[in-house]
Amino acid sequence: MVFQSNRLDIKPSRRLLLLVMVVHLLALMAIMVALSQPWIVTGLTLLVIVHGYYIARRYVFLLSDHSVHALLWTSQGMEVVFANGVQLEVAVDGESVVMAGAVLLRLKMLSSRSYLRVPLFSDCCNADALRRLRVLLKCRLNAADSSVSASRDS
């Protein structure tokens, strides 16, 4: 019997980098087209560039201390491992999205009231571990949806 690890190690994703670049370039083009005041265009351009740098640093290149480097799951729940080595217990929120090419996780940290967003594309991790996570998430999200609809019916 082969033991399957319940750990998903996250690496930098080229697909996420491309998506971030396209969205920020579209924002820059919209700023250029919509505004005629050069000082407003310059200020908004700098804001878009700073935001793109922040998003790329935290979610694409995983350089921030708050970047998630691994997900661990057991029958009791899930944990995230940050870049600085801190492990926190989390719960999957119902707003998480599971698609064929990507998983967009919204995790509620149980130690605080804050939420954590983790975008996972197929090129940022092991394919088998991502498949197991998608199956786990689909089962949990479907069970949560059926319990919500059952409570609405009664």
N, C-alpha and C. Protein backbone atom coordinates (compact mmCIF):
# COMPACT_ATOMS: atom_id res chain seq x y z
N MET A 1 0.84 -1.18 0.00
CA MET A 1 0.00 0.00 0.00
C MET A 1 0.88 1.24 0.00
N VAL A 2 0.57 2.18 -0.88
CA VAL A 2 1.34 3.42 -0.99
C VAL A 2 0.65 4.50 -0.19
N PHE A 3 1.41 5.14 0.70
CA PHE A 3 0.85 6.22 1.52
C PHE A 3 0.89 7.53 0.73
N GLN A 4 -0.27 8.14 0.59
CA GLN A 4 -0.36 9.42 -0.11
C GLN A 4 -0.22 10.55 0.91
N SER A 5 0.67 11.47 0.64
CA SER A 5 0.88 12.59 1.53
C SER A 5 -0.29 13.57 1.44
N ASN A 6 -0.66 14.12 2.56
CA ASN A 6 -1.70 15.13 2.60
C ASN A 6 -1.08 16.50 2.74
N ARG A 7 -0.05 16.74 1.96
CA ARG A 7 0.67 18.01 1.97
C ARG A 7 0.80 18.51 0.54
N LEU A 8 0.54 19.79 0.37
CA LEU A 8 0.66 20.43 -0.93
C LEU A 8 1.69 21.54 -0.81
N ASP A 9 2.87 21.33 -1.38
CA ASP A 9 3.92 22.35 -1.37
C ASP A 9 3.70 23.28 -2.56
N ILE A 10 3.73 24.59 -2.30
CA ILE A 10 3.41 25.59 -3.31
C ILE A 10 4.70 26.22 -3.82
N LYS A 11 4.82 26.29 -5.14
CA LYS A 11 5.97 26.92 -5.81
C LYS A 11 5.47 28.13 -6.59
N PRO A 12 6.39 29.02 -7.01
CA PRO A 12 5.96 30.15 -7.85
C PRO A 12 5.29 29.67 -9.14
N SER A 13 4.26 30.39 -9.59
CA SER A 13 3.46 29.99 -10.73
C SER A 13 3.62 30.98 -11.88
N ARG A 14 3.97 30.48 -13.06
CA ARG A 14 4.08 31.34 -14.25
C ARG A 14 2.71 31.77 -14.74
N ARG A 15 1.72 30.90 -14.62
CA ARG A 15 0.37 31.25 -15.07
C ARG A 15 -0.23 32.38 -14.22
N LEU A 16 0.00 32.32 -12.93
CA LEU A 16 -0.48 33.39 -12.06
C LEU A 16 0.24 34.70 -12.37
N LEU A 17 1.54 34.63 -12.65
CA LEU A 17 2.29 35.82 -13.03
C LEU A 17 1.72 36.44 -14.31
N LEU A 18 1.41 35.61 -15.28
CA LEU A 18 0.83 36.10 -16.53
C LEU A 18 -0.52 36.76 -16.27
N LEU A 19 -1.35 36.15 -15.45
CA LEU A 19 -2.65 36.71 -15.12
C LEU A 19 -2.51 38.06 -14.41
N VAL A 20 -1.61 38.15 -13.46
CA VAL A 20 -1.39 39.40 -12.74
C VAL A 20 -0.90 40.49 -13.69
N MET A 21 0.02 40.13 -14.58
CA MET A 21 0.54 41.12 -15.54
C MET A 21 -0.55 41.61 -16.48
N VAL A 22 -1.37 40.71 -17.00
CA VAL A 22 -2.44 41.10 -17.92
C VAL A 22 -3.46 42.01 -17.24
N VAL A 23 -3.87 41.67 -16.03
CA VAL A 23 -4.85 42.49 -15.32
C VAL A 23 -4.29 43.89 -15.04
N HIS A 24 -3.04 43.97 -14.63
CA HIS A 24 -2.47 45.28 -14.33
C HIS A 24 -2.20 46.09 -15.60
N LEU A 25 -1.84 45.44 -16.68
CA LEU A 25 -1.69 46.16 -17.95
C LEU A 25 -3.02 46.69 -18.44
N LEU A 26 -4.09 45.91 -18.30
CA LEU A 26 -5.43 46.40 -18.66
C LEU A 26 -5.83 47.59 -17.80
N ALA A 27 -5.49 47.56 -16.53
CA ALA A 27 -5.80 48.69 -15.65
C ALA A 27 -5.03 49.93 -16.10
N LEU A 28 -3.76 49.76 -16.46
CA LEU A 28 -2.97 50.90 -16.94
C LEU A 28 -3.53 51.47 -18.24
N MET A 29 -3.96 50.59 -19.15
CA MET A 29 -4.53 51.06 -20.41
C MET A 29 -5.85 51.80 -20.15
N ALA A 30 -6.66 51.32 -19.24
CA ALA A 30 -7.92 51.99 -18.92
C ALA A 30 -7.65 53.37 -18.32
N ILE A 31 -6.63 53.48 -17.49
CA ILE A 31 -6.28 54.78 -16.91
C ILE A 31 -5.86 55.75 -18.00
N MET A 32 -5.03 55.28 -18.92
CA MET A 32 -4.54 56.15 -20.01
C MET A 32 -5.68 56.63 -20.90
N VAL A 33 -6.63 55.76 -21.19
CA VAL A 33 -7.73 56.11 -22.09
C VAL A 33 -8.74 57.03 -21.39
N ALA A 34 -9.04 56.76 -20.13
CA ALA A 34 -10.14 57.44 -19.46
C ALA A 34 -9.77 58.83 -18.94
N LEU A 35 -8.53 59.05 -18.62
CA LEU A 35 -8.16 60.30 -17.97
C LEU A 35 -7.28 61.16 -18.86
N SER A 36 -7.47 62.47 -18.76
CA SER A 36 -6.67 63.37 -19.58
C SER A 36 -5.70 64.21 -18.74
N GLN A 37 -5.87 64.23 -17.44
CA GLN A 37 -4.97 65.00 -16.58
C GLN A 37 -3.69 64.22 -16.34
N PRO A 38 -2.53 64.75 -16.75
CA PRO A 38 -1.28 63.98 -16.61
C PRO A 38 -0.91 63.65 -15.16
N TRP A 39 -1.20 64.53 -14.22
CA TRP A 39 -0.82 64.25 -12.85
C TRP A 39 -1.67 63.15 -12.24
N ILE A 40 -2.95 63.06 -12.64
CA ILE A 40 -3.81 61.97 -12.16
C ILE A 40 -3.36 60.64 -12.79
N VAL A 41 -3.04 60.69 -14.08
CA VAL A 41 -2.57 59.48 -14.76
C VAL A 41 -1.27 58.98 -14.12
N THR A 42 -0.36 59.90 -13.81
CA THR A 42 0.91 59.51 -13.19
C THR A 42 0.68 58.89 -11.81
N GLY A 43 -0.18 59.50 -11.00
CA GLY A 43 -0.45 58.98 -9.67
C GLY A 43 -1.11 57.61 -9.71
N LEU A 44 -2.12 57.46 -10.56
CA LEU A 44 -2.79 56.17 -10.65
C LEU A 44 -1.88 55.10 -11.25
N THR A 45 -1.03 55.49 -12.18
CA THR A 45 -0.07 54.53 -12.76
C THR A 45 0.88 54.02 -11.68
N LEU A 46 1.36 54.91 -10.83
CA LEU A 46 2.24 54.49 -9.73
C LEU A 46 1.50 53.56 -8.76
N LEU A 47 0.23 53.86 -8.47
CA LEU A 47 -0.54 52.99 -7.60
C LEU A 47 -0.72 51.59 -8.19
N VAL A 48 -1.00 51.51 -9.49
CA VAL A 48 -1.16 50.21 -10.14
C VAL A 48 0.15 49.44 -10.14
N ILE A 49 1.26 50.13 -10.37
CA ILE A 49 2.58 49.46 -10.36
C ILE A 49 2.91 48.94 -8.96
N VAL A 50 2.67 49.75 -7.94
CA VAL A 50 2.95 49.31 -6.56
C VAL A 50 2.06 48.13 -6.19
N HIS A 51 0.79 48.17 -6.57
CA HIS A 51 -0.11 47.06 -6.28
C HIS A 51 0.33 45.79 -7.01
N GLY A 52 0.73 45.92 -8.28
CA GLY A 52 1.23 44.76 -9.03
C GLY A 52 2.46 44.16 -8.38
N TYR A 53 3.36 45.02 -7.89
CA TYR A 53 4.56 44.54 -7.20
C TYR A 53 4.19 43.78 -5.93
N TYR A 54 3.25 44.33 -5.15
CA TYR A 54 2.82 43.68 -3.91
C TYR A 54 2.20 42.32 -4.19
N ILE A 55 1.30 42.25 -5.17
CA ILE A 55 0.63 40.99 -5.50
C ILE A 55 1.64 39.97 -6.01
N ALA A 56 2.53 40.40 -6.89
CA ALA A 56 3.53 39.47 -7.43
C ALA A 56 4.46 38.96 -6.33
N ARG A 57 4.86 39.84 -5.44
CA ARG A 57 5.77 39.44 -4.35
C ARG A 57 5.09 38.44 -3.41
N ARG A 58 3.83 38.67 -3.07
CA ARG A 58 3.16 37.83 -2.08
C ARG A 58 2.60 36.53 -2.66
N TYR A 59 1.93 36.62 -3.81
CA TYR A 59 1.20 35.46 -4.33
C TYR A 59 1.92 34.72 -5.45
N VAL A 60 2.74 35.41 -6.24
CA VAL A 60 3.38 34.76 -7.38
C VAL A 60 4.76 34.22 -7.00
N PHE A 61 5.62 35.10 -6.49
CA PHE A 61 6.99 34.68 -6.18
C PHE A 61 7.15 34.15 -4.77
N LEU A 62 6.14 34.30 -3.91
CA LEU A 62 6.12 33.78 -2.54
C LEU A 62 7.30 34.30 -1.71
N LEU A 63 7.60 35.60 -1.82
CA LEU A 63 8.73 36.19 -1.12
C LEU A 63 8.36 36.83 0.21
N SER A 64 7.09 37.08 0.44
CA SER A 64 6.65 37.71 1.67
C SER A 64 6.59 36.69 2.81
N ASP A 65 6.73 37.18 4.05
CA ASP A 65 6.58 36.28 5.20
C ASP A 65 5.16 35.76 5.32
N HIS A 66 4.20 36.47 4.72
CA HIS A 66 2.79 36.08 4.77
C HIS A 66 2.39 35.20 3.59
N SER A 67 3.35 34.80 2.77
CA SER A 67 3.06 33.91 1.64
C SER A 67 2.88 32.49 2.15
N VAL A 68 1.90 31.80 1.60
CA VAL A 68 1.64 30.42 1.98
C VAL A 68 2.56 29.51 1.16
N HIS A 69 3.34 28.69 1.84
CA HIS A 69 4.27 27.79 1.16
C HIS A 69 3.77 26.35 1.11
N ALA A 70 2.81 26.01 1.98
CA ALA A 70 2.30 24.63 1.98
C ALA A 70 0.92 24.59 2.63
N LEU A 71 0.13 23.62 2.18
CA LEU A 71 -1.17 23.32 2.79
C LEU A 71 -1.11 21.89 3.32
N LEU A 72 -1.59 21.68 4.53
CA LEU A 72 -1.67 20.35 5.13
C LEU A 72 -3.11 20.08 5.47
N TRP A 73 -3.58 18.87 5.19
CA TRP A 73 -4.96 18.56 5.56
C TRP A 73 -5.03 17.16 6.16
N THR A 74 -5.91 17.05 7.16
CA THR A 74 -6.18 15.78 7.83
C THR A 74 -7.69 15.63 7.91
N SER A 75 -8.13 14.58 8.57
CA SER A 75 -9.58 14.40 8.74
C SER A 75 -10.16 15.45 9.69
N GLN A 76 -9.31 16.04 10.55
CA GLN A 76 -9.79 17.05 11.50
C GLN A 76 -9.86 18.44 10.88
N GLY A 77 -9.03 18.76 9.91
CA GLY A 77 -9.04 20.10 9.34
C GLY A 77 -7.82 20.37 8.47
N MET A 78 -7.59 21.65 8.21
CA MET A 78 -6.48 22.08 7.36
C MET A 78 -5.56 23.01 8.13
N GLU A 79 -4.31 23.04 7.70
CA GLU A 79 -3.33 23.97 8.23
C GLU A 79 -2.57 24.58 7.07
N VAL A 80 -2.10 25.81 7.26
CA VAL A 80 -1.25 26.46 6.27
C VAL A 80 0.12 26.66 6.89
N VAL A 81 1.15 26.59 6.07
CA VAL A 81 2.53 26.84 6.49
C VAL A 81 3.00 28.08 5.75
N PHE A 82 3.37 29.12 6.50
CA PHE A 82 3.82 30.36 5.90
C PHE A 82 5.32 30.30 5.60
N ALA A 83 5.81 31.31 4.90
CA ALA A 83 7.22 31.36 4.51
C ALA A 83 8.15 31.41 5.72
N ASN A 84 7.69 32.03 6.81
CA ASN A 84 8.53 32.12 8.01
C ASN A 84 8.44 30.88 8.89
N GLY A 85 7.72 29.85 8.44
CA GLY A 85 7.64 28.59 9.17
C GLY A 85 6.46 28.46 10.12
N VAL A 86 5.68 29.50 10.28
CA VAL A 86 4.52 29.47 11.19
C VAL A 86 3.43 28.60 10.58
N GLN A 87 2.84 27.74 11.40
CA GLN A 87 1.72 26.88 10.99
C GLN A 87 0.47 27.34 11.71
N LEU A 88 -0.61 27.57 10.93
CA LEU A 88 -1.88 27.99 11.52
C LEU A 88 -3.00 27.09 11.03
N GLU A 89 -3.94 26.83 11.92
CA GLU A 89 -5.10 26.02 11.56
C GLU A 89 -6.12 26.91 10.86
N VAL A 90 -6.70 26.40 9.77
CA VAL A 90 -7.65 27.18 8.98
C VAL A 90 -8.86 26.31 8.65
N ALA A 91 -9.94 26.97 8.23
CA ALA A 91 -11.13 26.29 7.75
C ALA A 91 -11.44 26.81 6.36
N VAL A 92 -11.88 25.92 5.47
CA VAL A 92 -12.22 26.31 4.11
C VAL A 92 -13.54 27.06 4.12
N ASP A 93 -13.56 28.23 3.51
CA ASP A 93 -14.76 29.04 3.42
C ASP A 93 -15.59 28.61 2.22
N GLY A 94 -16.88 28.84 2.27
CA GLY A 94 -17.77 28.45 1.19
C GLY A 94 -17.57 29.23 -0.09
N GLU A 95 -16.83 30.33 -0.05
CA GLU A 95 -16.58 31.13 -1.24
C GLU A 95 -15.36 30.65 -2.02
N SER A 96 -14.76 29.56 -1.61
CA SER A 96 -13.64 28.99 -2.37
C SER A 96 -14.16 28.47 -3.70
N VAL A 97 -13.31 28.54 -4.72
CA VAL A 97 -13.70 28.13 -6.07
C VAL A 97 -12.77 27.02 -6.54
N VAL A 98 -13.35 25.93 -7.02
CA VAL A 98 -12.58 24.80 -7.55
C VAL A 98 -12.88 24.68 -9.04
N MET A 99 -11.86 24.89 -9.87
CA MET A 99 -11.99 24.77 -11.33
C MET A 99 -10.99 23.74 -11.82
N ALA A 100 -11.06 23.43 -13.10
CA ALA A 100 -10.15 22.43 -13.66
C ALA A 100 -8.69 22.89 -13.63
N GLY A 101 -8.43 24.14 -13.97
CA GLY A 101 -7.06 24.61 -14.06
C GLY A 101 -6.57 25.37 -12.85
N ALA A 102 -7.48 25.72 -11.95
CA ALA A 102 -7.09 26.54 -10.80
C ALA A 102 -8.01 26.27 -9.62
N VAL A 103 -7.47 26.53 -8.45
CA VAL A 103 -8.25 26.49 -7.21
C VAL A 103 -8.01 27.82 -6.51
N LEU A 104 -9.08 28.52 -6.21
CA LEU A 104 -8.99 29.79 -5.49
C LEU A 104 -9.55 29.57 -4.10
N LEU A 105 -8.66 29.46 -3.13
CA LEU A 105 -9.06 29.16 -1.76
C LEU A 105 -9.29 30.43 -0.96
N ARG A 106 -10.35 30.44 -0.19
CA ARG A 106 -10.57 31.46 0.82
C ARG A 106 -10.63 30.71 2.14
N LEU A 107 -9.63 30.93 2.97
CA LEU A 107 -9.48 30.19 4.21
C LEU A 107 -9.68 31.12 5.39
N LYS A 108 -10.47 30.68 6.36
CA LYS A 108 -10.66 31.44 7.58
C LYS A 108 -9.68 30.94 8.62
N MET A 109 -8.86 31.85 9.12
CA MET A 109 -7.90 31.47 10.16
C MET A 109 -8.66 31.32 11.47
N LEU A 110 -8.53 30.15 12.10
CA LEU A 110 -9.28 29.87 13.32
C LEU A 110 -8.75 30.63 14.53
N SER A 111 -7.50 31.09 14.47
CA SER A 111 -6.92 31.83 15.59
C SER A 111 -7.33 33.30 15.59
N SER A 112 -7.88 33.78 14.48
CA SER A 112 -8.32 35.17 14.39
C SER A 112 -9.55 35.24 13.50
N ARG A 113 -10.03 36.44 13.26
CA ARG A 113 -11.22 36.61 12.43
C ARG A 113 -10.87 36.91 10.98
N SER A 114 -9.61 36.84 10.63
CA SER A 114 -9.20 37.23 9.29
C SER A 114 -9.27 36.05 8.32
N TYR A 115 -9.29 36.41 7.04
CA TYR A 115 -9.34 35.42 5.97
C TYR A 115 -8.04 35.46 5.19
N LEU A 116 -7.73 34.35 4.58
CA LEU A 116 -6.51 34.20 3.79
C LEU A 116 -6.91 33.70 2.41
N ARG A 117 -6.39 34.32 1.38
CA ARG A 117 -6.69 33.90 0.01
C ARG A 117 -5.46 33.24 -0.59
N VAL A 118 -5.67 32.07 -1.19
CA VAL A 118 -4.57 31.32 -1.77
C VAL A 118 -4.95 30.89 -3.19
N PRO A 119 -4.36 31.52 -4.22
CA PRO A 119 -4.61 31.07 -5.59
C PRO A 119 -3.66 29.93 -5.95
N LEU A 120 -4.20 28.84 -6.45
CA LEU A 120 -3.38 27.68 -6.83
C LEU A 120 -3.65 27.34 -8.29
N PHE A 121 -2.64 27.47 -9.11
CA PHE A 121 -2.74 27.05 -10.51
C PHE A 121 -2.03 25.71 -10.65
N SER A 122 -2.30 25.02 -11.75
CA SER A 122 -1.77 23.67 -11.92
C SER A 122 -0.25 23.62 -12.03
N ASP A 123 0.39 24.74 -12.34
CA ASP A 123 1.84 24.72 -12.48
C ASP A 123 2.58 25.11 -11.20
N CYS A 124 1.85 25.32 -10.10
CA CYS A 124 2.51 25.76 -8.87
C CYS A 124 2.70 24.64 -7.85
N CYS A 125 2.29 23.44 -8.19
CA CYS A 125 2.40 22.36 -7.22
C CYS A 125 2.34 21.00 -7.91
N ASN A 126 2.52 19.97 -7.13
CA ASN A 126 2.47 18.60 -7.62
C ASN A 126 1.05 18.29 -8.10
N ALA A 127 0.94 17.68 -9.27
CA ALA A 127 -0.38 17.42 -9.87
C ALA A 127 -1.22 16.46 -9.03
N ASP A 128 -0.61 15.43 -8.46
CA ASP A 128 -1.37 14.46 -7.64
C ASP A 128 -1.89 15.11 -6.36
N ALA A 129 -1.06 15.91 -5.72
CA ALA A 129 -1.49 16.57 -4.49
C ALA A 129 -2.60 17.58 -4.79
N LEU A 130 -2.50 18.29 -5.91
CA LEU A 130 -3.56 19.24 -6.28
C LEU A 130 -4.86 18.50 -6.60
N ARG A 131 -4.76 17.35 -7.25
CA ARG A 131 -5.96 16.56 -7.55
C ARG A 131 -6.63 16.10 -6.26
N ARG A 132 -5.84 15.61 -5.29
CA ARG A 132 -6.41 15.19 -4.01
C ARG A 132 -7.07 16.36 -3.27
N LEU A 133 -6.43 17.53 -3.33
CA LEU A 133 -7.01 18.70 -2.68
C LEU A 133 -8.32 19.10 -3.36
N ARG A 134 -8.37 19.05 -4.70
CA ARG A 134 -9.60 19.40 -5.41
C ARG A 134 -10.74 18.45 -5.05
N VAL A 135 -10.45 17.16 -4.96
CA VAL A 135 -11.48 16.18 -4.58
C VAL A 135 -11.96 16.47 -3.15
N LEU A 136 -11.04 16.72 -2.25
CA LEU A 136 -11.40 17.04 -0.87
C LEU A 136 -12.26 18.29 -0.80
N LEU A 137 -11.88 19.32 -1.53
CA LEU A 137 -12.63 20.58 -1.51
C LEU A 137 -14.01 20.41 -2.14
N LYS A 138 -14.10 19.66 -3.24
CA LYS A 138 -15.41 19.45 -3.86
C LYS A 138 -16.35 18.72 -2.91
N CYS A 139 -15.83 17.74 -2.21
CA CYS A 139 -16.67 17.00 -1.25
C CYS A 139 -17.11 17.91 -0.11
N ARG A 140 -16.21 18.71 0.43
CA ARG A 140 -16.55 19.60 1.55
C ARG A 140 -17.49 20.71 1.11
N LEU A 141 -17.23 21.30 -0.07
CA LEU A 141 -18.08 22.39 -0.53
C LEU A 141 -19.47 21.88 -0.91
N ASN A 142 -19.55 20.69 -1.50
CA ASN A 142 -20.86 20.11 -1.83
C ASN A 142 -21.64 19.78 -0.56
N ALA A 143 -20.96 19.26 0.45
CA ALA A 143 -21.63 18.96 1.73
C ALA A 143 -22.11 20.24 2.40
N ALA A 144 -21.32 21.31 2.32
CA ALA A 144 -21.74 22.58 2.91
C ALA A 144 -22.92 23.17 2.15
N ASP A 145 -22.92 23.06 0.82
CA ASP A 145 -24.05 23.57 0.03
C ASP A 145 -25.34 22.80 0.33
N SER A 146 -25.25 21.48 0.47
CA SER A 146 -26.44 20.69 0.76
C SER A 146 -26.99 20.97 2.15
N SER A 147 -26.11 21.23 3.11
CA SER A 147 -26.58 21.55 4.47
C SER A 147 -27.23 22.92 4.51
N VAL A 148 -26.71 23.87 3.72
CA VAL A 148 -27.31 25.21 3.66
C VAL A 148 -28.67 25.14 3.01
N SER A 149 -28.81 24.38 1.93
CA SER A 149 -30.10 24.27 1.25
C SER A 149 -31.10 23.50 2.12
N ALA A 150 -30.65 22.52 2.90
CA ALA A 150 -31.54 21.78 3.78
C ALA A 150 -32.06 22.69 4.90
N SER A 151 -31.19 23.57 5.41
CA SER A 151 -31.63 24.47 6.47
C SER A 151 -32.60 25.52 5.93
N ARG A 152 -32.46 25.90 4.65
CA ARG A 152 -33.38 26.87 4.06
C ARG A 152 -34.74 26.23 3.82
N ASP A 153 -34.77 24.94 3.48
CA ASP A 153 -36.03 24.26 3.21
C ASP A 153 -36.88 24.07 4.45
N SER A 154 -36.23 23.92 5.59
CA SER A 154 -37.00 23.66 6.82
C SER A 154 -37.43 24.91 7.52
